[in-house]
């Protein structure tokens, strides 16, 4: 790959000052979709726990991901 991929950008959780609360869709363990997050020069597998759809049409995904590849899994929200 000749071009560099920027690190994934985390989104802040919704706050009441941001307008109406987003619609949230959740998945149970074993039935979760997944995505990949670019972190520390690699694509990291990230199971999706919830999808948040905001009234302005933007979407954010709450995932668990091992950002550094050291098995320390963290919850993050990307949008």
Protein backbone atom coordinates (compact mmCIF):
# COMPACT_ATOMS: atom_id res chain seq x y z
CA UNK A 1 0.00 0.00 0.00
CA UNK A 2 1.64 3.22 -1.14
CA UNK A 3 -0.52 5.69 0.77
CA UNK A 4 -0.75 6.03 4.53
CA UNK A 5 -4.01 5.35 6.33
CA UNK A 6 -4.91 7.84 9.08
CA UNK A 7 -5.59 6.52 12.56
CA UNK A 8 -9.28 6.01 13.35
CA UNK A 9 -10.96 8.96 15.02
CA UNK A 10 -13.01 8.34 18.12
CA UNK A 11 -16.37 10.06 18.55
CA UNK A 12 -17.48 11.49 21.90
CA UNK A 13 -20.59 9.94 23.47
CA UNK A 14 -23.87 11.80 22.94
CA UNK A 15 -24.63 14.65 25.32
CA UNK A 16 -27.99 16.32 25.93
CA UNK A 17 -26.63 19.59 24.51
CA UNK A 18 -26.22 17.91 21.09
CA UNK A 19 -29.92 17.72 20.34
CA UNK A 20 -32.24 14.71 20.37
CA UNK A 21 -30.92 11.42 21.67
CA UNK A 22 -29.76 9.01 18.92
CA UNK A 23 -31.63 5.81 18.09
CA UNK A 24 -29.61 2.83 19.36
CA UNK A 25 -29.60 -0.68 17.90
CA UNK A 26 -27.82 -3.42 19.91
CA UNK A 27 -26.77 -6.96 19.09
CA UNK A 28 -26.41 -9.91 21.46
CA UNK A 29 -23.10 -11.78 21.88
CA UNK A 30 -22.58 -14.30 19.11
CA UNK A 31 -24.70 -12.32 16.63
CA UNK A 32 -22.71 -9.09 16.45
CA UNK A 33 -21.50 -7.64 13.17
CA UNK A 34 -17.91 -6.43 13.12
CA UNK A 35 -15.71 -3.86 11.47
CA UNK A 36 -11.99 -3.18 11.35
CA UNK A 37 -10.30 -0.16 12.97
CA UNK A 38 -6.94 1.15 11.73
CA UNK A 39 -4.65 1.48 14.77
CA UNK A 40 -0.88 1.31 15.27
CA UNK A 41 -0.30 0.56 11.59
CA UNK A 42 -2.69 -2.42 11.37
CA UNK A 43 -6.36 -3.19 10.87
CA UNK A 44 -7.83 -4.38 14.18
CA UNK A 45 -10.94 -6.58 14.36
CA UNK A 46 -13.73 -4.84 16.30
CA UNK A 47 -17.07 -6.52 17.15
CA UNK A 48 -19.95 -4.00 17.14
CA UNK A 49 -22.05 -3.76 20.30
CA UNK A 50 -24.34 -0.93 19.20
CA UNK A 51 -25.13 1.35 16.28
CA UNK A 52 -26.18 4.90 17.13
CA UNK A 53 -28.11 6.83 14.47
CA UNK A 54 -28.31 10.57 15.07
CA UNK A 55 -31.15 12.82 13.87
CA UNK A 56 -28.79 14.54 11.40
CA UNK A 57 -28.20 11.17 9.71
CA UNK A 58 -24.72 10.46 11.07
CA UNK A 59 -24.01 7.01 12.42
CA UNK A 60 -21.56 5.87 15.10
CA UNK A 61 -20.59 2.35 16.12
CA UNK A 62 -19.73 1.26 19.66
CA UNK A 63 -17.09 -1.48 19.43
CA UNK A 64 -14.59 -3.41 21.51
CA UNK A 65 -11.13 -3.32 20.00
CA UNK A 66 -7.54 -4.23 20.84
CA UNK A 67 -6.00 -0.94 19.66
CA UNK A 68 -2.35 -1.77 20.29
CA UNK A 69 -2.40 -5.52 19.64
CA UNK A 70 -1.52 -6.29 23.26
CA UNK A 71 -4.85 -7.99 24.15
CA UNK A 72 -6.03 -4.97 26.16
CA UNK A 73 -9.54 -4.60 24.79
CA UNK A 74 -11.25 -1.24 25.11
CA UNK A 75 -14.70 0.13 24.28
CA UNK A 76 -14.68 2.88 21.68
CA UNK A 77 -17.24 4.86 19.67
CA UNK A 78 -16.40 5.63 16.05
CA UNK A 79 -18.45 7.65 13.63
